[in-house]
Amino acid sequence: MTTTELNFNDRSKVSWVTTIAFAIFHVLAVVALFYTTWQAVVVALVLHWICISWGIGMGYHRLHTHRSYTVPKAIEYLFAVCGTMTLQGGPIFWTAVHRIHHQRSDKPGDPHTPHDGRWWAHILWTIFGEEMHSNTEVTGKYAPDLMKDPFYRALNSWHWVPLVVLGLVLLAIGGLPWVLWGIFLRVTVGLHCTWLVNSATHLWGKRRFQTSDDSKNNWWVAALTFGEGWHNNHHAYPRSAKHGFVWRELDISWLQIRFLAWLGLARDLQVPTASQIANKTLPLEEAA
């Protein structure tokens, strides 16, 4: 099956479910600003860390998609549940999209390349084409490893349930401010932070490695996404659990993976050697 069959680049159809959901979340994110409390802000910040770092960076991206390290199934499942609470679809869908992106990065068939337009790379690719977030059978062909697990198949089909449950819990504990900040504003900000990896890091930044795409290292995207902005490093070594290769490239998700390893909960950490990095590094005049 090809990406054409998956309709990632089909602009003739609008996914109204996705479009309406994103519109509601953006509107209520603005409304949240009128219901600001310190407790609500703290809840949003903590959930942003858990859902974007644990769920997307450590989970969907480095663990489920690239298998750059291993953890016990309970932790793997926890990270997947955290990932669903970002409104970015289930683990099979997310993994399939990202694996296709690496296969065709900045080439025809890439689901979200700026070559098809900056706004396409950032958000428009999510709202055009057929609704596939819960089409487990189609997207699963790109994630056969996850398809073998009944938990992932169920979570992919019902990926919206954890976010709804979280919203009800926040409503019961902190009322409307907690829901507006912890769900609507937090999710909206998290979506744009993740989308910046698709758009901004293929447009602005510096290149350390010669890759076949336009990926760049972008420090401010890395700051927003707990290390995902060191994108040129990642495209040079996709299986690396570590994205920040030097001390000034802060990679919070990598530090947490190292902490799990120190606890004995993570193993088989994939990291390129110093010689591998040196052999692939661009000359200084090209890297700027």
Protein backbone atom coordinates (compact mmCIF):
# COMPACT_ATOMS: atom_id res chain seq x y z
CA MET A 1 0.00 0.00 0.00
CA THR A 2 1.28 3.46 -0.88
CA THR A 3 0.80 6.85 0.67
CA THR A 4 -1.44 7.72 -2.31
CA GLU A 5 -3.86 5.01 -1.18
CA LEU A 6 -3.69 6.54 2.28
CA ASN A 7 -4.62 9.93 0.77
CA PHE A 8 -2.17 11.97 2.84
CA ASN A 9 -1.69 14.43 -0.01
CA ASP A 10 -5.28 14.42 -1.27
CA ARG A 11 -6.55 18.01 -1.01
CA SER A 12 -9.91 17.22 -2.60
CA LYS A 13 -11.45 16.02 0.67
CA VAL A 14 -11.75 17.67 4.05
CA SER A 15 -11.76 15.58 7.24
CA TRP A 16 -14.63 17.36 8.92
CA VAL A 17 -14.27 15.43 12.17
CA THR A 18 -10.69 16.65 12.54
CA THR A 19 -11.46 20.17 11.32
CA ILE A 20 -14.37 20.69 13.71
CA ALA A 21 -12.44 19.20 16.64
CA PHE A 22 -9.44 21.47 16.01
CA ALA A 23 -11.70 24.52 15.63
CA ILE A 24 -13.42 23.80 18.97
CA PHE A 25 -10.10 23.27 20.74
CA HIS A 26 -8.63 26.52 19.38
CA VAL A 27 -11.67 28.55 20.37
CA LEU A 28 -11.79 27.09 23.88
CA ALA A 29 -8.02 27.60 24.22
CA VAL A 30 -8.68 31.33 23.89
CA VAL A 31 -11.61 31.09 26.32
CA ALA A 32 -9.25 29.46 28.83
CA LEU A 33 -7.33 32.73 29.14
CA PHE A 34 -10.42 34.27 30.81
CA TYR A 35 -10.50 31.48 33.41
CA THR A 36 -6.91 31.65 34.55
CA THR A 37 -5.90 30.38 37.97
CA TRP A 38 -2.46 29.42 39.21
CA GLN A 39 -3.65 25.88 39.84
CA ALA A 40 -4.99 25.57 36.29
CA VAL A 41 -1.71 26.85 34.82
CA VAL A 42 0.31 24.34 36.85
CA VAL A 43 -2.01 21.52 35.77
CA ALA A 44 -1.54 22.50 32.12
CA LEU A 45 2.25 22.68 32.42
CA VAL A 46 2.51 19.30 34.14
CA LEU A 47 0.22 17.68 31.58
CA HIS A 48 2.18 19.29 28.73
CA TRP A 49 5.33 17.67 30.08
CA ILE A 50 3.69 14.27 30.60
CA CYS A 51 1.85 14.18 27.29
CA ILE A 52 4.43 15.77 24.97
CA SER A 53 7.61 14.40 26.56
CA TRP A 54 6.41 11.02 27.84
CA GLY A 55 3.66 10.53 25.29
CA ILE A 56 5.14 11.89 22.06
CA GLY A 57 8.91 12.25 22.50
CA MET A 58 9.70 9.22 24.64
CA GLY A 59 6.69 7.18 23.58
CA TYR A 60 5.20 7.52 20.10
CA HIS A 61 8.43 8.82 18.57
CA ARG A 62 11.54 7.28 20.08
CA LEU A 63 9.97 4.09 21.46
CA HIS A 64 7.01 3.05 19.33
CA THR A 65 8.17 4.37 15.95
CA HIS A 66 11.96 3.92 16.07
CA ARG A 67 12.41 1.36 18.84
CA SER A 68 15.47 3.25 20.03
CA TYR A 69 15.24 1.69 23.49
CA THR A 70 13.13 -0.86 25.35
CA VAL A 71 11.12 -0.70 28.57
CA PRO A 72 8.73 -3.07 30.33
CA LYS A 73 5.33 -3.36 28.66
CA ALA A 74 3.59 -1.49 31.48
CA ILE A 75 5.74 1.61 30.86
CA GLU A 76 5.41 1.25 27.09
CA TYR A 77 1.62 1.15 27.45
CA LEU A 78 1.68 4.12 29.84
CA PHE A 79 3.61 6.22 27.32
CA ALA A 80 1.13 5.23 24.60
CA VAL A 81 -1.84 6.33 26.72
CA CYS A 82 -0.05 9.64 27.41
CA GLY A 83 0.42 10.02 23.65
CA THR A 84 -3.30 9.67 22.96
CA MET A 85 -3.99 12.61 25.28
CA THR A 86 -2.31 14.99 22.79
CA LEU A 87 -5.14 14.61 20.23
CA GLN A 88 -2.64 13.32 17.67
CA GLY A 89 -4.31 9.97 17.10
CA GLY A 90 -3.49 6.51 18.34
CA PRO A 91 -0.06 4.86 18.45
CA ILE A 92 -0.51 2.85 15.24
CA PHE A 93 -1.65 5.88 13.24
CA TRP A 94 1.12 8.14 14.61
CA THR A 95 3.79 5.50 14.03
CA ALA A 96 2.61 4.86 10.48
CA VAL A 97 2.66 8.55 9.55
CA HIS A 98 6.12 9.09 11.00
CA ARG A 99 7.62 6.02 9.36
CA ILE A 100 6.28 7.19 5.99
CA HIS A 101 7.79 10.62 6.70
CA HIS A 102 11.23 9.06 7.18
CA GLN A 103 10.90 6.90 4.08
CA ARG A 104 10.04 9.90 1.88
CA SER A 105 11.25 12.92 3.83
CA ASP A 106 10.87 16.11 1.74
CA LYS A 107 10.11 14.02 -1.33
CA PRO A 108 6.84 13.16 -3.07
CA GLY A 109 4.73 11.13 -0.68
CA ASP A 110 5.97 12.81 2.50
CA PRO A 111 2.78 13.48 4.50
CA HIS A 112 3.97 16.86 5.79
CA THR A 113 6.84 18.42 3.87
CA PRO A 114 7.17 22.22 3.53
CA HIS A 115 7.80 21.54 -0.16
CA ASP A 116 4.01 21.27 -0.36
CA GLY A 117 3.62 24.56 1.52
CA ARG A 118 4.58 25.80 4.97
CA TRP A 119 1.03 25.74 6.26
CA TRP A 120 0.51 22.33 4.72
CA ALA A 121 3.48 20.99 6.69
CA HIS A 122 2.28 22.64 9.88
CA ILE A 123 -1.46 21.92 10.04
CA LEU A 124 -3.25 21.55 6.70
CA TRP A 125 -2.02 17.98 6.14
CA THR A 126 -4.03 16.93 9.21
CA ILE A 127 -7.39 18.18 7.93
CA PHE A 128 -7.30 17.12 4.28
CA GLY A 129 -7.77 13.60 2.98
CA GLU A 130 -9.72 10.75 4.48
CA GLU A 131 -10.21 10.37 8.24
CA MET A 132 -7.65 7.73 9.21
CA HIS A 133 -6.98 8.26 12.90
CA SER A 134 -9.04 5.20 13.79
CA ASN A 135 -8.52 3.23 10.56
CA THR A 136 -6.31 0.68 12.24
CA GLU A 137 -6.29 -1.85 9.41
CA VAL A 138 -5.01 0.66 6.83
CA THR A 139 -2.40 2.47 8.91
CA GLY A 140 -1.37 -0.78 10.61
CA LYS A 141 0.39 -1.95 7.46
CA TYR A 142 3.13 0.53 8.31
CA ALA A 143 3.27 -0.57 11.95
CA PRO A 144 3.03 -4.38 11.86
CA ASP A 145 4.93 -4.64 15.14
CA LEU A 146 2.25 -2.67 16.97
CA MET A 147 -0.55 -4.46 15.11
CA LYS A 148 0.47 -7.70 16.78
CA ASP A 149 -0.52 -6.30 20.17
CA PRO A 150 -4.28 -6.25 20.99
CA PHE A 151 -3.72 -3.34 23.40
CA TYR A 152 -2.38 -1.10 20.64
CA ARG A 153 -5.12 -2.08 18.21
CA ALA A 154 -7.78 -1.22 20.78
CA LEU A 155 -6.07 2.01 21.86
CA ASN A 156 -5.71 3.12 18.25
CA SER A 157 -9.42 2.66 17.60
CA TRP A 158 -10.46 4.30 20.87
CA HIS A 159 -7.65 6.85 21.15
CA TRP A 160 -10.04 9.64 22.22
CA VAL A 161 -11.21 7.83 25.37
CA PRO A 162 -8.21 8.66 27.66
CA LEU A 163 -8.55 12.39 26.86
CA VAL A 164 -12.28 12.32 27.65
CA VAL A 165 -11.64 10.50 30.93
CA LEU A 166 -8.91 12.99 31.84
CA GLY A 167 -11.29 15.87 31.10
CA LEU A 168 -13.95 14.42 33.40
CA VAL A 169 -11.38 13.94 36.17
CA LEU A 170 -10.15 17.53 35.82
CA LEU A 171 -13.73 18.81 35.85
CA ALA A 172 -14.50 16.91 39.04
CA ILE A 173 -11.36 18.13 40.82
CA GLY A 174 -10.81 21.68 39.57
CA GLY A 175 -13.94 22.67 37.70
CA LEU A 176 -14.09 24.59 34.41
CA PRO A 177 -10.67 26.35 34.70
CA TRP A 178 -8.85 23.03 35.01
CA VAL A 179 -10.68 21.60 31.99
CA LEU A 180 -10.08 24.68 29.83
CA TRP A 181 -6.38 24.86 30.71
CA GLY A 182 -5.59 21.16 31.18
CA ILE A 183 -7.45 19.97 28.09
CA PHE A 184 -8.23 22.66 25.53
CA LEU A 185 -5.38 25.15 25.89
CA ARG A 186 -2.78 22.50 26.76
CA VAL A 187 -3.74 20.25 23.83
CA THR A 188 -3.83 23.16 21.37
CA VAL A 189 -0.38 24.38 22.41
CA GLY A 190 0.94 20.81 22.33
CA LEU A 191 -0.37 20.27 18.80
CA HIS A 192 1.39 23.36 17.50
CA CYS A 193 4.60 22.44 19.32
CA THR A 194 4.61 19.03 17.65
CA TRP A 195 3.62 20.45 14.27
CA LEU A 196 6.58 22.84 14.49
CA VAL A 197 8.83 19.78 14.24
CA ASN A 198 7.17 19.02 10.89
CA SER A 199 7.31 22.58 9.59
CA ALA A 200 9.86 24.82 11.35
CA THR A 201 12.65 22.25 11.67
CA HIS A 202 12.53 21.67 7.91
CA LEU A 203 12.71 25.42 7.29
CA TRP A 204 14.88 27.16 9.90
CA GLY A 205 17.94 26.15 11.89
CA LYS A 206 21.36 24.64 11.38
CA ARG A 207 22.48 21.39 9.78
CA ARG A 208 25.19 19.31 11.40
CA PHE A 209 24.77 16.28 9.17
CA GLN A 210 24.45 15.68 5.46
CA THR A 211 21.02 14.12 5.03
CA SER A 212 18.84 13.61 1.97
CA ASP A 213 16.16 15.99 3.30
CA ASP A 214 15.97 19.56 4.62
CA SER A 215 15.95 18.69 8.33
CA LYS A 216 17.59 21.23 10.64
CA ASN A 217 18.41 21.61 14.32
CA ASN A 218 16.21 24.29 15.85
CA TRP A 219 16.85 25.24 19.49
CA TRP A 220 13.51 26.92 20.20
CA VAL A 221 11.50 24.01 18.84
CA ALA A 222 13.67 21.72 20.99
CA ALA A 223 12.83 23.85 24.03
CA LEU A 224 9.09 23.58 23.34
CA THR A 225 9.17 19.84 22.70
CA PHE A 226 11.66 18.54 25.30
CA GLY A 227 14.35 17.81 22.69
CA GLU A 228 12.47 16.96 19.49
CA GLY A 229 13.79 20.08 17.74
CA TRP A 230 17.27 18.60 17.20
CA HIS A 231 15.74 17.29 14.02
CA ASN A 232 18.77 17.12 11.73
CA ASN A 233 20.51 14.98 14.35
CA HIS A 234 17.45 12.74 14.40
CA HIS A 235 17.23 12.36 10.64
CA ALA A 236 20.92 11.52 10.49
CA TYR A 237 20.46 8.78 13.11
CA PRO A 238 16.73 7.94 13.30
CA ARG A 239 17.22 5.03 15.72
CA SER A 240 19.12 7.10 18.24
CA ALA A 241 17.33 7.53 21.57
CA LYS A 242 19.42 10.66 22.06
CA HIS A 243 18.64 13.67 19.86
CA GLY A 244 20.86 16.32 21.46
CA PHE A 245 24.41 15.27 20.66
CA VAL A 246 26.40 17.98 22.47
CA TRP A 247 26.03 19.59 25.89
CA ARG A 248 24.34 22.74 24.60
CA GLU A 249 21.64 20.69 22.84
CA LEU A 250 19.35 20.16 25.82
CA ASP A 251 17.30 17.00 25.34
CA ILE A 252 14.95 16.55 28.29
CA SER A 253 13.40 13.37 26.90
CA TRP A 254 16.85 11.78 26.58
CA LEU A 255 17.68 12.69 30.18
CA GLN A 256 14.50 10.96 31.30
CA ILE A 257 15.36 7.87 29.24
CA ARG A 258 18.78 7.83 30.90
CA PHE A 259 17.07 8.10 34.29
CA LEU A 260 14.90 5.09 33.44
CA ALA A 261 18.06 3.21 32.45
CA TRP A 262 19.67 4.16 35.78
CA LEU A 263 16.62 2.70 37.53
CA GLY A 264 16.98 -0.46 35.47
CA LEU A 265 13.72 0.19 33.62
CA ALA A 266 15.18 1.03 30.19
CA ARG A 267 17.76 -0.93 28.24
CA ASP A 268 19.16 -1.39 24.73
CA LEU A 269 19.59 2.38 24.32
CA GLN A 270 20.60 3.12 20.73
CA VAL A 271 23.12 6.01 20.45
CA PRO A 272 25.67 6.68 17.67
CA THR A 273 29.33 6.54 18.61
CA ALA A 274 31.58 9.61 18.56
CA SER A 275 33.33 8.31 15.44
CA GLN A 276 30.01 7.77 13.65
CA ILE A 277 28.99 11.34 14.44
CA ALA A 278 32.35 12.74 13.33
CA ASN A 279 32.28 10.83 10.03
CA LYS A 280 28.87 12.20 9.12
CA THR A 281 29.30 15.78 10.35
CA LEU A 282 29.30 18.57 7.78
CA PRO A 283 32.26 20.97 7.52
CA LEU A 284 31.69 24.09 9.63
CA GLU A 285 31.05 26.35 6.64
CA GLU A 286 28.30 24.00 5.41
CA ALA A 287 26.76 23.41 8.84
CA ALA A 288 25.95 27.06 9.55
